[in-house]
């Protein structure tokens, strides 16, 4: 079981790229979670991650079952993202699977 698989969470990514680009990228990277598309950049703007250049910054949001943001990680490193997210889940008191 992966580190994140121990928690009662749903994991997904979101990008401002079109669906076709995200599908190809997710397949190339072997992602085991959905990669959603936000080509009109409305979601990125709403979450405050849209850079002035029009790219989405790579941030991680932990959203609780109540729909409230429990944690935000603004400095995401692809090399440590899973471990960093697990630490954020623990800090936000997200339950683990039984």
PDB file of N, CA and C in Angstrom:
ATOM      1  N   UNK A   1       0.846  -1.177   0.000  1.00  0.00           N
ATOM      2  CA  UNK A   1       0.000   0.000   0.000  1.00  0.00           C
ATOM      3  C   UNK A   1       0.892   1.241   0.000  1.00  0.00           C
ATOM      4  N   UNK A   2       0.529   2.224  -0.806  1.00  0.00           N
ATOM      5  CA  UNK A   2       1.296   3.463  -0.853  1.00  0.00           C
ATOM      6  C   UNK A   2       1.099   4.243   0.446  1.00  0.00           C
ATOM      7  N   UNK A   3       1.953   5.198   0.661  1.00  0.00           N
ATOM      8  CA  UNK A   3       1.848   6.039   1.858  1.00  0.00           C
ATOM      9  C   UNK A   3       0.475   6.684   1.946  1.00  0.00           C
ATOM     10  N   UNK A   4      -0.001   7.249   0.854  1.00  0.00           N
ATOM     11  CA  UNK A   4      -1.303   7.927   0.864  1.00  0.00           C
ATOM     12  C   UNK A   4      -2.456   6.947   0.935  1.00  0.00           C
ATOM     13  N   UNK A   5      -2.228   5.709   0.511  1.00  0.00           N
ATOM     14  CA  UNK A   5      -3.263   4.689   0.553  1.00  0.00           C
ATOM     15  C   UNK A   5      -3.675   4.314   1.967  1.00  0.00           C
ATOM     16  N   UNK A   6      -2.923   4.762   2.952  1.00  0.00           N
ATOM     17  CA  UNK A   6      -3.234   4.468   4.348  1.00  0.00           C
ATOM     18  C   UNK A   6      -4.290   5.410   4.929  1.00  0.00           C
ATOM     19  N   UNK A   7      -4.586   6.478   4.196  1.00  0.00           N
ATOM     20  CA  UNK A   7      -5.507   7.498   4.695  1.00  0.00           C
ATOM     21  C   UNK A   7      -6.878   7.394   4.032  1.00  0.00           C
ATOM     22  N   UNK A   8      -7.874   7.919   4.700  1.00  0.00           N
ATOM     23  CA  UNK A   8      -9.230   7.977   4.153  1.00  0.00           C
ATOM     24  C   UNK A   8      -9.344   9.253   3.302  1.00  0.00           C
ATOM     25  N   UNK A   9      -8.730   9.212   2.134  1.00  0.00           N
ATOM     26  CA  UNK A   9      -8.691  10.381   1.259  1.00  0.00           C
ATOM     27  C   UNK A   9      -8.942   9.987  -0.191  1.00  0.00           C
ATOM     28  N   UNK A  10      -9.285  10.995  -0.954  1.00  0.00           N
ATOM     29  CA  UNK A  10      -9.331  10.880  -2.412  1.00  0.00           C
ATOM     30  C   UNK A  10      -8.293  11.858  -2.931  1.00  0.00           C
ATOM     31  N   UNK A  11      -7.430  11.370  -3.786  1.00  0.00           N
ATOM     32  CA  UNK A  11      -6.351  12.183  -4.326  1.00  0.00           C
ATOM     33  C   UNK A  11      -6.629  12.459  -5.788  1.00  0.00           C
ATOM     34  N   UNK A  12      -6.432  13.705  -6.190  1.00  0.00           N
ATOM     35  CA  UNK A  12      -6.504  14.059  -7.601  1.00  0.00           C
ATOM     36  C   UNK A  12      -5.641  15.278  -7.838  1.00  0.00           C
ATOM     37  N   UNK A  13      -5.248  15.461  -9.073  1.00  0.00           N
ATOM     38  CA  UNK A  13      -4.499  16.638  -9.475  1.00  0.00           C
ATOM     39  C   UNK A  13      -5.363  17.461 -10.403  1.00  0.00           C
ATOM     40  N   UNK A  14      -4.994  18.690 -10.589  1.00  0.00           N
ATOM     41  CA  UNK A  14      -5.709  19.555 -11.524  1.00  0.00           C
ATOM     42  C   UNK A  14      -4.702  20.438 -12.233  1.00  0.00           C
ATOM     43  N   UNK A  15      -4.914  20.614 -13.511  1.00  0.00           N
ATOM     44  CA  UNK A  15      -4.005  21.391 -14.343  1.00  0.00           C
ATOM     45  C   UNK A  15      -4.814  22.280 -15.273  1.00  0.00           C
ATOM     46  N   UNK A  16      -4.196  23.376 -15.706  1.00  0.00           N
ATOM     47  CA  UNK A  16      -4.875  24.262 -16.656  1.00  0.00           C
ATOM     48  C   UNK A  16      -4.721  23.775 -18.095  1.00  0.00           C
ATOM     49  N   UNK A  17      -4.042  22.670 -18.280  1.00  0.00           N
ATOM     50  CA  UNK A  17      -3.882  22.102 -19.622  1.00  0.00           C
ATOM     51  C   UNK A  17      -5.174  21.440 -20.084  1.00  0.00           C
ATOM     52  N   UNK A  18      -5.350  21.308 -21.399  1.00  0.00           N
ATOM     53  CA  UNK A  18      -6.539  20.623 -21.926  1.00  0.00           C
ATOM     54  C   UNK A  18      -6.574  19.142 -21.527  1.00  0.00           C
ATOM     55  N   UNK A  19      -7.749  18.560 -21.580  1.00  0.00           N
ATOM     56  CA  UNK A  19      -7.962  17.159 -21.190  1.00  0.00           C
ATOM     57  C   UNK A  19      -6.980  16.237 -21.899  1.00  0.00           C
ATOM     58  N   UNK A  20      -6.810  16.396 -23.189  1.00  0.00           N
ATOM     59  CA  UNK A  20      -5.952  15.496 -23.967  1.00  0.00           C
ATOM     60  C   UNK A  20      -4.506  15.539 -23.470  1.00  0.00           C
ATOM     61  N   UNK A  21      -4.024  16.725 -23.149  1.00  0.00           N
ATOM     62  CA  UNK A  21      -2.654  16.879 -22.654  1.00  0.00           C
ATOM     63  C   UNK A  21      -2.523  16.201 -21.289  1.00  0.00           C
ATOM     64  N   UNK A  22      -3.517  16.415 -20.419  1.00  0.00           N
ATOM     65  CA  UNK A  22      -3.482  15.804 -19.087  1.00  0.00           C
ATOM     66  C   UNK A  22      -3.566  14.290 -19.151  1.00  0.00           C
ATOM     67  N   UNK A  23      -4.388  13.763 -20.044  1.00  0.00           N
ATOM     68  CA  UNK A  23      -4.485  12.307 -20.189  1.00  0.00           C
ATOM     69  C   UNK A  23      -3.142  11.718 -20.585  1.00  0.00           C
ATOM     70  N   UNK A  24      -2.497  12.327 -21.554  1.00  0.00           N
ATOM     71  CA  UNK A  24      -1.193  11.847 -22.021  1.00  0.00           C
ATOM     72  C   UNK A  24      -0.151  11.955 -20.909  1.00  0.00           C
ATOM     73  N   UNK A  25      -0.124  13.083 -20.208  1.00  0.00           N
ATOM     74  CA  UNK A  25       0.844  13.302 -19.133  1.00  0.00           C
ATOM     75  C   UNK A  25       0.648  12.286 -18.011  1.00  0.00           C
ATOM     76  N   UNK A  26      -0.603  12.092 -17.590  1.00  0.00           N
ATOM     77  CA  UNK A  26      -0.892  11.148 -16.503  1.00  0.00           C
ATOM     78  C   UNK A  26      -0.489   9.730 -16.889  1.00  0.00           C
ATOM     79  N   UNK A  27      -0.715   9.370 -18.140  1.00  0.00           N
ATOM     80  CA  UNK A  27      -0.340   8.030 -18.606  1.00  0.00           C
ATOM     81  C   UNK A  27       1.183   7.880 -18.616  1.00  0.00           C
ATOM     82  N   UNK A  28       1.884   8.901 -19.122  1.00  0.00           N
ATOM     83  CA  UNK A  28       3.345   8.862 -19.165  1.00  0.00           C
ATOM     84  C   UNK A  28       3.950   8.735 -17.768  1.00  0.00           C
ATOM     85  N   UNK A  29       3.359   9.431 -16.801  1.00  0.00           N
ATOM     86  CA  UNK A  29       3.877   9.439 -15.433  1.00  0.00           C
ATOM     87  C   UNK A  29       3.374   8.260 -14.601  1.00  0.00           C
ATOM     88  N   UNK A  30       2.389   7.520 -15.134  1.00  0.00           N
ATOM     89  CA  UNK A  30       1.851   6.374 -14.412  1.00  0.00           C
ATOM     90  C   UNK A  30       1.044   6.772 -13.191  1.00  0.00           C
ATOM     91  N   UNK A  31       0.351   7.899 -13.263  1.00  0.00           N
ATOM     92  CA  UNK A  31      -0.443   8.353 -12.120  1.00  0.00           C
ATOM     93  C   UNK A  31      -1.545   7.350 -11.812  1.00  0.00           C
ATOM     94  N   UNK A  32      -1.775   7.118 -10.530  1.00  0.00           N
ATOM     95  CA  UNK A  32      -2.853   6.227 -10.109  1.00  0.00           C
ATOM     96  C   UNK A  32      -4.010   7.029  -9.507  1.00  0.00           C
ATOM     97  N   UNK A  33      -4.098   8.296  -9.915  1.00  0.00           N
ATOM     98  CA  UNK A  33      -5.175   9.179  -9.481  1.00  0.00           C
ATOM     99  C   UNK A  33      -5.588  10.049 -10.676  1.00  0.00           C
ATOM    100  N   UNK A  34      -6.804  10.584 -10.643  1.00  0.00           N
ATOM    101  CA  UNK A  34      -7.262  11.414 -11.757  1.00  0.00           C
ATOM    102  C   UNK A  34      -6.502  12.737 -11.839  1.00  0.00           C
ATOM    103  N   UNK A  35      -6.292  13.188 -13.059  1.00  0.00           N
ATOM    104  CA  UNK A  35      -5.712  14.502 -13.319  1.00  0.00           C
ATOM    105  C   UNK A  35      -6.780  15.294 -14.066  1.00  0.00           C
ATOM    106  N   UNK A  36      -7.378  16.243 -13.383  1.00  0.00           N
ATOM    107  CA  UNK A  36      -8.483  17.024 -13.926  1.00  0.00           C
ATOM    108  C   UNK A  36      -7.975  18.200 -14.742  1.00  0.00           C
ATOM    109  N   UNK A  37      -8.825  18.708 -15.641  1.00  0.00           N
ATOM    110  CA  UNK A  37      -8.459  19.833 -16.494  1.00  0.00           C
ATOM    111  C   UNK A  37      -9.258  21.079 -16.133  1.00  0.00           C
ATOM    112  N   UNK A  38      -8.568  22.205 -16.131  1.00  0.00           N
ATOM    113  CA  UNK A  38      -9.157  23.517 -15.850  1.00  0.00           C
ATOM    114  C   UNK A  38      -8.689  24.495 -16.931  1.00  0.00           C
ATOM    115  N   UNK A  39      -9.019  24.210 -18.210  1.00  0.00           N
ATOM    116  CA  UNK A  39      -8.468  25.029 -19.289  1.00  0.00           C
ATOM    117  C   UNK A  39      -8.933  26.485 -19.273  1.00  0.00           C
ATOM    118  N   UNK A  40     -10.087  26.768 -18.664  1.00  0.00           N
ATOM    119  CA  UNK A  40     -10.515  28.170 -18.593  1.00  0.00           C
ATOM    120  C   UNK A  40      -9.923  28.880 -17.371  1.00  0.00           C
ATOM    121  N   UNK A  41      -9.193  28.136 -16.547  1.00  0.00           N
ATOM    122  CA  UNK A  41      -8.415  28.632 -15.410  1.00  0.00           C
ATOM    123  C   UNK A  41      -9.270  29.230 -14.293  1.00  0.00           C
ATOM    124  N   UNK A  42     -10.549  28.933 -14.285  1.00  0.00           N
ATOM    125  CA  UNK A  42     -11.431  29.465 -13.242  1.00  0.00           C
ATOM    126  C   UNK A  42     -11.135  28.859 -11.869  1.00  0.00           C
ATOM    127  N   UNK A  43     -10.886  27.562 -11.836  1.00  0.00           N
ATOM    128  CA  UNK A  43     -10.593  26.903 -10.560  1.00  0.00           C
ATOM    129  C   UNK A  43      -9.245  27.392 -10.022  1.00  0.00           C
ATOM    130  N   UNK A  44      -8.251  27.467 -10.888  1.00  0.00           N
ATOM    131  CA  UNK A  44      -6.927  27.951 -10.471  1.00  0.00           C
ATOM    132  C   UNK A  44      -7.032  29.365  -9.904  1.00  0.00           C
ATOM    133  N   UNK A  45      -7.796  30.218 -10.550  1.00  0.00           N
ATOM    134  CA  UNK A  45      -7.975  31.590 -10.061  1.00  0.00           C
ATOM    135  C   UNK A  45      -8.708  31.592  -8.718  1.00  0.00           C
ATOM    136  N   UNK A  46      -9.743  30.760  -8.586  1.00  0.00           N
ATOM    137  CA  UNK A  46     -10.521  30.705  -7.345  1.00  0.00           C
ATOM    138  C   UNK A  46      -9.678  30.240  -6.164  1.00  0.00           C
ATOM    139  N   UNK A  47      -8.717  29.351  -6.408  1.00  0.00           N
ATOM    140  CA  UNK A  47      -7.860  28.854  -5.333  1.00  0.00           C
ATOM    141  C   UNK A  47      -6.599  29.701  -5.146  1.00  0.00           C
ATOM    142  N   UNK A  48      -6.453  30.742  -5.959  1.00  0.00           N
ATOM    143  CA  UNK A  48      -5.321  31.644  -5.794  1.00  0.00           C
ATOM    144  C   UNK A  48      -3.999  31.103  -6.275  1.00  0.00           C
ATOM    145  N   UNK A  49      -4.023  30.138  -7.179  1.00  0.00           N
ATOM    146  CA  UNK A  49      -2.767  29.533  -7.643  1.00  0.00           C
ATOM    147  C   UNK A  49      -2.386  29.950  -9.059  1.00  0.00           C
ATOM    148  N   UNK A  50      -3.173  30.825  -9.665  1.00  0.00           N
ATOM    149  CA  UNK A  50      -2.893  31.251 -11.038  1.00  0.00           C
ATOM    150  C   UNK A  50      -1.816  32.334 -11.019  1.00  0.00           C
ATOM    151  N   UNK A  51      -0.696  32.041 -11.666  1.00  0.00           N
ATOM    152  CA  UNK A  51       0.407  32.999 -11.710  1.00  0.00           C
ATOM    153  C   UNK A  51       0.076  34.112 -12.707  1.00  0.00           C
ATOM    154  N   UNK A  52       0.765  35.248 -12.614  1.00  0.00           N
ATOM    155  CA  UNK A  52       0.529  36.334 -13.582  1.00  0.00           C
ATOM    156  C   UNK A  52       0.774  35.903 -15.032  1.00  0.00           C
ATOM    157  N   UNK A  53       1.626  34.890 -15.217  1.00  0.00           N
ATOM    158  CA  UNK A  53       1.911  34.393 -16.566  1.00  0.00           C
ATOM    159  C   UNK A  53       0.829  33.453 -17.082  1.00  0.00           C
ATOM    160  N   UNK A  54      -0.169  33.125 -16.231  1.00  0.00           N
ATOM    161  CA  UNK A  54      -1.272  32.271 -16.661  1.00  0.00           C
ATOM    162  C   UNK A  54      -1.075  30.790 -16.379  1.00  0.00           C
ATOM    163  N   UNK A  55      -0.017  30.443 -15.676  1.00  0.00           N
ATOM    164  CA  UNK A  55       0.224  29.053 -15.301  1.00  0.00           C
ATOM    165  C   UNK A  55      -0.261  28.825 -13.874  1.00  0.00           C
ATOM    166  N   UNK A  56      -0.683  27.609 -13.601  1.00  0.00           N
ATOM    167  CA  UNK A  56      -1.076  27.265 -12.231  1.00  0.00           C
ATOM    168  C   UNK A  56       0.171  26.891 -11.450  1.00  0.00           C
ATOM    169  N   UNK A  57       0.316  27.483 -10.273  1.00  0.00           N
ATOM    170  CA  UNK A  57       1.410  27.116  -9.385  1.00  0.00           C
ATOM    171  C   UNK A  57       1.102  25.756  -8.779  1.00  0.00           C
ATOM    172  N   UNK A  58       2.134  25.007  -8.466  1.00  0.00           N
ATOM    173  CA  UNK A  58       1.965  23.657  -7.932  1.00  0.00           C
ATOM    174  C   UNK A  58       1.817  23.728  -6.411  1.00  0.00           C
ATOM    175  N   UNK A  59       0.565  23.735  -5.964  1.00  0.00           N
ATOM    176  CA  UNK A  59       0.255  23.756  -4.541  1.00  0.00           C
ATOM    177  C   UNK A  59      -0.552  22.516  -4.214  1.00  0.00           C
ATOM    178  N   UNK A  60      -0.533  22.119  -2.953  1.00  0.00           N
ATOM    179  CA  UNK A  60      -1.336  20.998  -2.480  1.00  0.00           C
ATOM    180  C   UNK A  60      -2.335  21.515  -1.455  1.00  0.00           C
ATOM    181  N   UNK A  61      -3.604  21.133  -1.639  1.00  0.00           N
ATOM    182  CA  UNK A  61      -4.662  21.496  -0.701  1.00  0.00           C
ATOM    183  C   UNK A  61      -5.192  20.225  -0.060  1.00  0.00           C
ATOM    184  N   UNK A  62      -5.327  20.242   1.258  1.00  0.00           N
ATOM    185  CA  UNK A  62      -5.974  19.158   1.990  1.00  0.00           C
ATOM    186  C   UNK A  62      -7.356  19.687   2.356  1.00  0.00           C
ATOM    187  N   UNK A  63      -8.384  19.037   1.824  1.00  0.00           N
ATOM    188  CA  UNK A  63      -9.760  19.469   2.056  1.00  0.00           C
ATOM    189  C   UNK A  63     -10.459  18.385   2.862  1.00  0.00           C
ATOM    190  N   UNK A  64     -11.022  18.776   3.980  1.00  0.00           N
ATOM    191  CA  UNK A  64     -11.679  17.826   4.870  1.00  0.00           C
ATOM    192  C   UNK A  64     -13.012  17.359   4.328  1.00  0.00           C
ATOM    193  N   UNK A  65     -13.562  16.366   4.981  1.00  0.00           N
ATOM    194  CA  UNK A  65     -14.857  15.811   4.580  1.00  0.00           C
ATOM    195  C   UNK A  65     -15.955  16.864   4.643  1.00  0.00           C
ATOM    196  N   UNK A  66     -15.734  17.915   5.430  1.00  0.00           N
ATOM    197  CA  UNK A  66     -16.720  18.997   5.549  1.00  0.00           C
ATOM    198  C   UNK A  66     -16.585  20.034   4.431  1.00  0.00           C
ATOM    199  N   UNK A  67     -15.617  19.822   3.521  1.00  0.00           N
ATOM    200  CA  UNK A  67     -15.417  20.737   2.400  1.00  0.00           C
ATOM    201  C   UNK A  67     -14.525  21.921   2.718  1.00  0.00           C
ATOM    202  N   UNK A  68     -14.017  21.996   3.915  1.00  0.00           N
ATOM    203  CA  UNK A  68     -13.155  23.108   4.314  1.00  0.00           C
ATOM    204  C   UNK A  68     -11.684  22.761   4.086  1.00  0.00           C
ATOM    205  N   UNK A  69     -10.922  23.767   3.698  1.00  0.00           N
ATOM    206  CA  UNK A  69      -9.488  23.584   3.504  1.00  0.00           C
ATOM    207  C   UNK A  69      -8.833  23.427   4.870  1.00  0.00           C
ATOM    208  N   UNK A  70      -8.139  22.307   5.055  1.00  0.00           N
ATOM    209  CA  UNK A  70      -7.477  21.994   6.324  1.00  0.00           C
ATOM    210  C   UNK A  70      -5.993  22.371   6.298  1.00  0.00           C
ATOM    211  N   UNK A  71      -5.392  22.332   5.108  1.00  0.00           N
ATOM    212  CA  UNK A  71      -3.965  22.645   4.986  1.00  0.00           C
ATOM    213  C   UNK A  71      -3.658  23.018   3.549  1.00  0.00           C
ATOM    214  N   UNK A  72      -2.649  23.863   3.385  1.00  0.00           N
ATOM    215  CA  UNK A  72      -2.167  24.257   2.058  1.00  0.00           C
ATOM    216  C   UNK A  72      -0.646  24.149   2.084  1.00  0.00           C
ATOM    217  N   UNK A  73      -0.111  23.422   1.136  1.00  0.00           N
ATOM    218  CA  UNK A  73       1.341  23.307   0.970  1.00  0.00           C
ATOM    219  C   UNK A  73       1.703  24.076  -0.293  1.00  0.00           C
ATOM    220  N   UNK A  74       2.425  25.196  -0.123  1.00  0.00           N
ATOM    221  CA  UNK A  74       2.745  26.049  -1.268  1.00  0.00           C
ATOM    222  C   UNK A  74       4.082  25.718  -1.908  1.00  0.00           C
ATOM    223  N   UNK A  75       4.907  24.977  -1.226  1.00  0.00           N
ATOM    224  CA  UNK A  75       6.219  24.627  -1.774  1.00  0.00           C
ATOM    225  C   UNK A  75       6.239  23.130  -2.031  1.00  0.00           C
ATOM    226  N   UNK A  76       5.708  22.735  -3.170  1.00  0.00           N
ATOM    227  CA  UNK A  76       5.577  21.319  -3.509  1.00  0.00           C
ATOM    228  C   UNK A  76       6.794  20.871  -4.311  1.00  0.00           C
ATOM    229  N   UNK A  77       7.432  19.823  -3.829  1.00  0.00           N
ATOM    230  CA  UNK A  77       8.558  19.212  -4.525  1.00  0.00           C
ATOM    231  C   UNK A  77       8.098  17.868  -5.073  1.00  0.00           C
ATOM    232  N   UNK A  78       8.182  17.657  -6.378  1.00  0.00           N
ATOM    233  CA  UNK A  78       7.772  16.362  -6.931  1.00  0.00           C
ATOM    234  C   UNK A  78       8.481  15.173  -6.275  1.00  0.00           C
ATOM    235  N   UNK A  79       9.713  15.362  -5.824  1.00  0.00           N
ATOM    236  CA  UNK A  79      10.472  14.277  -5.228  1.00  0.00           C
ATOM    237  C   UNK A  79       9.951  13.875  -3.849  1.00  0.00           C
ATOM    238  N   UNK A  80       9.356  14.811  -3.110  1.00  0.00           N
ATOM    239  CA  UNK A  80       8.917  14.522  -1.745  1.00  0.00           C
ATOM    240  C   UNK A  80       7.416  14.753  -1.544  1.00  0.00           C
ATOM    241  N   UNK A  81       6.681  14.977  -2.612  1.00  0.00           N
ATOM    242  CA  UNK A  81       5.267  15.356  -2.497  1.00  0.00           C
ATOM    243  C   UNK A  81       4.440  14.350  -1.703  1.00  0.00           C
ATOM    244  N   UNK A  82       4.629  13.057  -1.918  1.00  0.00           N
ATOM    245  CA  UNK A  82       3.858  12.042  -1.202  1.00  0.00           C
ATOM    246  C   UNK A  82       4.112  12.081   0.296  1.00  0.00           C
ATOM    247  N   UNK A  83       5.377  12.146   0.676  1.00  0.00           N
ATOM    248  CA  UNK A  83       5.726  12.211   2.104  1.00  0.00           C
ATOM    249  C   UNK A  83       5.259  13.527   2.725  1.00  0.00           C
ATOM    250  N   UNK A  84       5.412  14.612   1.978  1.00  0.00           N
ATOM    251  CA  UNK A  84       4.963  15.912   2.473  1.00  0.00           C
ATOM    252  C   UNK A  84       3.449  15.918   2.670  1.00  0.00           C
ATOM    253  N   UNK A  85       2.725  15.310   1.731  1.00  0.00           N
ATOM    254  CA  UNK A  85       1.269  15.253   1.849  1.00  0.00           C
ATOM    255  C   UNK A  85       0.861  14.388   3.040  1.00  0.00           C
ATOM    256  N   UNK A  86       1.541  13.281   3.250  1.00  0.00           N
ATOM    257  CA  UNK A  86       1.234  12.427   4.406  1.00  0.00           C
ATOM    258  C   UNK A  86       1.419  13.205   5.705  1.00  0.00           C
ATOM    259  N   UNK A  87       2.469  13.990   5.782  1.00  0.00           N
ATOM    260  CA  UNK A  87       2.700  14.811   6.971  1.00  0.00           C
ATOM    261  C   UNK A  87       1.568  15.831   7.136  1.00  0.00           C
ATOM    262  N   UNK A  88       1.135  16.455   6.037  1.00  0.00           N
ATOM    263  CA  UNK A  88       0.035  17.421   6.092  1.00  0.00           C
ATOM    264  C   UNK A  88      -1.272  16.747   6.505  1.00  0.00           C
ATOM    265  N   UNK A  89      -1.489  15.517   6.027  1.00  0.00           N
ATOM    266  CA  UNK A  89      -2.705  14.768   6.424  1.00  0.00           C
ATOM    267  C   UNK A  89      -2.690  14.480   7.905  1.00  0.00           C
ATOM    268  N   UNK A  90      -1.541  14.097   8.440  1.00  0.00           N
ATOM    269  CA  UNK A  90      -1.424  13.843   9.871  1.00  0.00           C
ATOM    270  C   UNK A  90      -1.687  15.127  10.678  1.00  0.00           C
ATOM    271  N   UNK A  91      -1.072  16.214  10.235  1.00  0.00           N
ATOM    272  CA  UNK A  91      -1.240  17.498  10.915  1.00  0.00           C
ATOM    273  C   UNK A  91      -2.700  17.943  10.892  1.00  0.00           C
ATOM    274  N   UNK A  92      -3.376  17.711   9.772  1.00  0.00           N
ATOM    275  CA  UNK A  92      -4.794  18.090   9.636  1.00  0.00           C
ATOM    276  C   UNK A  92      -5.732  17.073  10.291  1.00  0.00           C
ATOM    277  N   UNK A  93      -5.146  16.048  10.894  1.00  0.00           N
ATOM    278  CA  UNK A  93      -5.904  14.995  11.583  1.00  0.00           C
ATOM    279  C   UNK A  93      -6.896  14.275  10.662  1.00  0.00           C
ATOM    280  N   UNK A  94      -6.422  14.006   9.434  1.00  0.00           N
ATOM    281  CA  UNK A  94      -7.213  13.222   8.491  1.00  0.00           C
ATOM    282  C   UNK A  94      -7.098  11.759   8.930  1.00  0.00           C
ATOM    283  N   UNK A  95      -8.207  11.066   9.094  1.00  0.00           N
ATOM    284  CA  UNK A  95      -8.144   9.692   9.612  1.00  0.00           C
ATOM    285  C   UNK A  95      -7.485   8.717   8.638  1.00  0.00           C
ATOM    286  N   UNK A  96      -6.881   7.708   9.231  1.00  0.00           N
ATOM    287  CA  UNK A  96      -6.310   6.604   8.457  1.00  0.00           C
ATOM    288  C   UNK A  96      -7.367   5.524   8.295  1.00  0.00           C
ATOM    289  N   UNK A  97      -7.175   4.696   7.296  1.00  0.00           N
ATOM    290  CA  UNK A  97      -8.087   3.574   7.068  1.00  0.00           C
ATOM    291  C   UNK A  97      -7.966   2.580   8.211  1.00  0.00           C
ATOM    292  N   UNK A  98      -9.072   1.909   8.544  1.00  0.00           N
ATOM    293  CA  UNK A  98      -9.008   0.913   9.631  1.00  0.00           C
ATOM    294  C   UNK A  98      -8.162  -0.285   9.247  1.00  0.00           C
TER     295      UNK A  98
END
